[in-house]
Amino acid sequence: MTDKVFIDTNIWVYACLDTDNTQSHNKHLKAVEYLQRLYRDTEMIIST
């Protein structure tokens, strides 16, 4: 059975938006890595 994990909106925003700003870029990379790991191991859900 796969666990279900709620992903907060800010994680999706950081994953989608990559800028030249170093701090934002680091958040982007962390969000993408986090989502990729969750994609392999869990079932992700989004609140409506």
PDB file of N, CA and C in Angstrom:
ATOM      1  N   MET A   1       0.836  -1.182   0.000  1.00  0.00           N
ATOM      2  CA  MET A   1       0.000   0.000   0.000  1.00  0.00           C
ATOM      3  C   MET A   1       0.881   1.246   0.000  1.00  0.00           C
ATOM      4  N   THR A   2       0.519   2.221  -0.797  1.00  0.00           N
ATOM      5  CA  THR A   2       1.294   3.450  -0.917  1.00  0.00           C
ATOM      6  C   THR A   2       0.743   4.513   0.024  1.00  0.00           C
ATOM      7  N   ASP A   3       1.626   5.200   0.722  1.00  0.00           N
ATOM      8  CA  ASP A   3       1.203   6.294   1.586  1.00  0.00           C
ATOM      9  C   ASP A   3       0.737   7.468   0.738  1.00  0.00           C
ATOM     10  N   LYS A   4      -0.224   8.232   1.259  1.00  0.00           N
ATOM     11  CA  LYS A   4      -0.672   9.454   0.600  1.00  0.00           C
ATOM     12  C   LYS A   4      -0.057  10.638   1.332  1.00  0.00           C
ATOM     13  N   VAL A   5       0.492  11.571   0.563  1.00  0.00           N
ATOM     14  CA  VAL A   5       1.159  12.728   1.145  1.00  0.00           C
ATOM     15  C   VAL A   5       0.561  13.990   0.550  1.00  0.00           C
ATOM     16  N   PHE A   6       0.165  14.926   1.423  1.00  0.00           N
ATOM     17  CA  PHE A   6      -0.342  16.222   0.982  1.00  0.00           C
ATOM     18  C   PHE A   6       0.841  17.132   0.692  1.00  0.00           C
ATOM     19  N   ILE A   7       0.847  17.733  -0.486  1.00  0.00           N
ATOM     20  CA  ILE A   7       1.919  18.642  -0.888  1.00  0.00           C
ATOM     21  C   ILE A   7       1.392  20.073  -0.835  1.00  0.00           C
ATOM     22  N   ASP A   8       2.010  20.904  -0.020  1.00  0.00           N
ATOM     23  CA  ASP A   8       1.594  22.292   0.110  1.00  0.00           C
ATOM     24  C   ASP A   8       1.877  23.049  -1.180  1.00  0.00           C
ATOM     25  N   THR A   9       1.085  24.061  -1.437  1.00  0.00           N
ATOM     26  CA  THR A   9       1.175  24.830  -2.681  1.00  0.00           C
ATOM     27  C   THR A   9       2.550  25.449  -2.892  1.00  0.00           C
ATOM     28  N   ASN A  10       3.185  25.935  -1.828  1.00  0.00           N
ATOM     29  CA  ASN A  10       4.479  26.602  -2.018  1.00  0.00           C
ATOM     30  C   ASN A  10       5.533  25.654  -2.579  1.00  0.00           C
ATOM     31  N   ILE A  11       5.434  24.358  -2.286  1.00  0.00           N
ATOM     32  CA  ILE A  11       6.377  23.393  -2.847  1.00  0.00           C
ATOM     33  C   ILE A  11       6.203  23.328  -4.361  1.00  0.00           C
ATOM     34  N   TRP A  12       4.958  23.295  -4.822  1.00  0.00           N
ATOM     35  CA  TRP A  12       4.695  23.265  -6.265  1.00  0.00           C
ATOM     36  C   TRP A  12       5.190  24.547  -6.938  1.00  0.00           C
ATOM     37  N   VAL A  13       4.979  25.687  -6.289  1.00  0.00           N
ATOM     38  CA  VAL A  13       5.410  26.969  -6.864  1.00  0.00           C
ATOM     39  C   VAL A  13       6.929  27.002  -7.003  1.00  0.00           C
ATOM     40  N   TYR A  14       7.642  26.638  -5.942  1.00  0.00           N
ATOM     41  CA  TYR A  14       9.112  26.621  -6.022  1.00  0.00           C
ATOM     42  C   TYR A  14       9.605  25.632  -7.069  1.00  0.00           C
ATOM     43  N   ALA A  15       8.921  24.523  -7.222  1.00  0.00           N
ATOM     44  CA  ALA A  15       9.341  23.535  -8.219  1.00  0.00           C
ATOM     45  C   ALA A  15       9.140  24.046  -9.638  1.00  0.00           C
ATOM     46  N   CYS A  16       8.122  24.865  -9.832  1.00  0.00           N
ATOM     47  CA  CYS A  16       7.806  25.356 -11.182  1.00  0.00           C
ATOM     48  C   CYS A  16       8.576  26.613 -11.557  1.00  0.00           C
ATOM     49  N   LEU A  17       8.907  27.440 -10.569  1.00  0.00           N
ATOM     50  CA  LEU A  17       9.559  28.711 -10.852  1.00  0.00           C
ATOM     51  C   LEU A  17      11.038  28.643 -10.504  1.00  0.00           C
ATOM     52  N   ASP A  18      11.871  28.830 -11.503  1.00  0.00           N
ATOM     53  CA  ASP A  18      13.314  28.862 -11.302  1.00  0.00           C
ATOM     54  C   ASP A  18      13.804  30.222 -11.746  1.00  0.00           C
ATOM     55  N   THR A  19      14.525  30.918 -10.890  1.00  0.00           N
ATOM     56  CA  THR A  19      15.008  32.256 -11.214  1.00  0.00           C
ATOM     57  C   THR A  19      16.530  32.305 -11.105  1.00  0.00           C
ATOM     58  N   ASP A  20      17.078  33.449 -11.449  1.00  0.00           N
ATOM     59  CA  ASP A  20      18.523  33.653 -11.327  1.00  0.00           C
ATOM     60  C   ASP A  20      18.930  33.967  -9.893  1.00  0.00           C
ATOM     61  N   ASN A  21      17.959  34.322  -9.053  1.00  0.00           N
ATOM     62  CA  ASN A  21      18.217  34.607  -7.648  1.00  0.00           C
ATOM     63  C   ASN A  21      18.714  33.330  -6.976  1.00  0.00           C
ATOM     64  N   THR A  22      19.851  33.406  -6.297  1.00  0.00           N
ATOM     65  CA  THR A  22      20.475  32.219  -5.705  1.00  0.00           C
ATOM     66  C   THR A  22      19.577  31.535  -4.690  1.00  0.00           C
ATOM     67  N   GLN A  23      18.966  32.310  -3.809  1.00  0.00           N
ATOM     68  CA  GLN A  23      18.103  31.722  -2.775  1.00  0.00           C
ATOM     69  C   GLN A  23      16.892  31.032  -3.410  1.00  0.00           C
ATOM     70  N   SER A  24      16.261  31.666  -4.373  1.00  0.00           N
ATOM     71  CA  SER A  24      15.106  31.067  -5.049  1.00  0.00           C
ATOM     72  C   SER A  24      15.523  29.837  -5.849  1.00  0.00           C
ATOM     73  N   HIS A  25      16.690  29.902  -6.454  1.00  0.00           N
ATOM     74  CA  HIS A  25      17.171  28.757  -7.228  1.00  0.00           C
ATOM     75  C   HIS A  25      17.409  27.555  -6.314  1.00  0.00           C
ATOM     76  N   ASN A  26      17.970  27.783  -5.144  1.00  0.00           N
ATOM     77  CA  ASN A  26      18.198  26.701  -4.178  1.00  0.00           C
ATOM     78  C   ASN A  26      16.875  26.092  -3.727  1.00  0.00           C
ATOM     79  N   LYS A  27      15.872  26.933  -3.489  1.00  0.00           N
ATOM     80  CA  LYS A  27      14.548  26.431  -3.100  1.00  0.00           C
ATOM     81  C   LYS A  27      13.945  25.622  -4.240  1.00  0.00           C
ATOM     82  N   HIS A  28      14.159  26.080  -5.467  1.00  0.00           N
ATOM     83  CA  HIS A  28      13.669  25.355  -6.642  1.00  0.00           C
ATOM     84  C   HIS A  28      14.281  23.954  -6.699  1.00  0.00           C
ATOM     85  N   LEU A  29      15.581  23.876  -6.540  1.00  0.00           N
ATOM     86  CA  LEU A  29      16.261  22.579  -6.606  1.00  0.00           C
ATOM     87  C   LEU A  29      15.791  21.638  -5.498  1.00  0.00           C
ATOM     88  N   LYS A  30      15.641  22.158  -4.291  1.00  0.00           N
ATOM     89  CA  LYS A  30      15.187  21.337  -3.169  1.00  0.00           C
ATOM     90  C   LYS A  30      13.754  20.849  -3.397  1.00  0.00           C
ATOM     91  N   ALA A  31      12.885  21.730  -3.913  1.00  0.00           N
ATOM     92  CA  ALA A  31      11.492  21.348  -4.161  1.00  0.00           C
ATOM     93  C   ALA A  31      11.412  20.271  -5.239  1.00  0.00           C
ATOM     94  N   VAL A  32      12.176  20.413  -6.302  1.00  0.00           N
ATOM     95  CA  VAL A  32      12.177  19.415  -7.382  1.00  0.00           C
ATOM     96  C   VAL A  32      12.686  18.076  -6.860  1.00  0.00           C
ATOM     97  N   GLU A  33      13.771  18.105  -6.100  1.00  0.00           N
ATOM     98  CA  GLU A  33      14.316  16.874  -5.535  1.00  0.00           C
ATOM     99  C   GLU A  33      13.297  16.201  -4.610  1.00  0.00           C
ATOM    100  N   TYR A  34      12.655  16.990  -3.782  1.00  0.00           N
ATOM    101  CA  TYR A  34      11.654  16.475  -2.847  1.00  0.00           C
ATOM    102  C   TYR A  34      10.485  15.829  -3.598  1.00  0.00           C
ATOM    103  N   LEU A  35       9.974  16.504  -4.627  1.00  0.00           N
ATOM    104  CA  LEU A  35       8.846  15.969  -5.395  1.00  0.00           C
ATOM    105  C   LEU A  35       9.242  14.702  -6.152  1.00  0.00           C
ATOM    106  N   GLN A  36      10.453  14.668  -6.664  1.00  0.00           N
ATOM    107  CA  GLN A  36      10.909  13.461  -7.365  1.00  0.00           C
ATOM    108  C   GLN A  36      10.982  12.277  -6.411  1.00  0.00           C
ATOM    109  N   ARG A  37      11.473  12.513  -5.210  1.00  0.00           N
ATOM    110  CA  ARG A  37      11.565  11.447  -4.215  1.00  0.00           C
ATOM    111  C   ARG A  37      10.163  10.971  -3.811  1.00  0.00           C
ATOM    112  N   LEU A  38       9.249  11.913  -3.594  1.00  0.00           N
ATOM    113  CA  LEU A  38       7.881  11.540  -3.236  1.00  0.00           C
ATOM    114  C   LEU A  38       7.187  10.793  -4.375  1.00  0.00           C
ATOM    115  N   TYR A  39       7.455  11.210  -5.593  1.00  0.00           N
ATOM    116  CA  TYR A  39       6.839  10.570  -6.754  1.00  0.00           C
ATOM    117  C   TYR A  39       7.196   9.084  -6.807  1.00  0.00           C
ATOM    118  N   ARG A  40       8.405   8.753  -6.438  1.00  0.00           N
ATOM    119  CA  ARG A  40       8.845   7.354  -6.457  1.00  0.00           C
ATOM    120  C   ARG A  40       8.242   6.546  -5.308  1.00  0.00           C
ATOM    121  N   ASP A  41       8.053   7.188  -4.145  1.00  0.00           N
ATOM    122  CA  ASP A  41       7.731   6.447  -2.934  1.00  0.00           C
ATOM    123  C   ASP A  41       6.300   6.580  -2.409  1.00  0.00           C
ATOM    124  N   THR A  42       5.535   7.558  -2.888  1.00  0.00           N
ATOM    125  CA  THR A  42       4.224   7.820  -2.294  1.00  0.00           C
ATOM    126  C   THR A  42       3.203   8.201  -3.355  1.00  0.00           C
ATOM    127  N   GLU A  43       1.968   8.374  -2.902  1.00  0.00           N
ATOM    128  CA  GLU A  43       0.914   8.910  -3.752  1.00  0.00           C
ATOM    129  C   GLU A  43       0.687  10.354  -3.302  1.00  0.00           C
ATOM    130  N   MET A  44       0.947  11.313  -4.177  1.00  0.00           N
ATOM    131  CA  MET A  44       0.813  12.715  -3.827  1.00  0.00           C
ATOM    132  C   MET A  44      -0.616  13.171  -4.055  1.00  0.00           C
ATOM    133  N   ILE A  45      -1.105  14.032  -3.164  1.00  0.00           N
ATOM    134  CA  ILE A  45      -2.452  14.591  -3.310  1.00  0.00           C
ATOM    135  C   ILE A  45      -2.388  16.099  -3.150  1.00  0.00           C
ATOM    136  N   ILE A  46      -3.350  16.778  -3.764  1.00  0.00           N
ATOM    137  CA  ILE A  46      -3.448  18.229  -3.694  1.00  0.00           C
ATOM    138  C   ILE A  46      -4.835  18.570  -3.166  1.00  0.00           C
ATOM    139  N   SER A  47      -4.894  19.510  -2.241  1.00  0.00           N
ATOM    140  CA  SER A  47      -6.176  19.950  -1.705  1.00  0.00           C
ATOM    141  C   SER A  47      -6.936  20.746  -2.767  1.00  0.00           C
ATOM    142  N   THR A  48      -8.234  20.580  -2.796  1.00  0.00           N
ATOM    143  CA  THR A  48      -9.037  21.350  -3.762  1.00  0.00           C
ATOM    144  C   THR A  48      -9.570  22.582  -3.149  1.00  0.00           C
TER     145      THR A  48
END
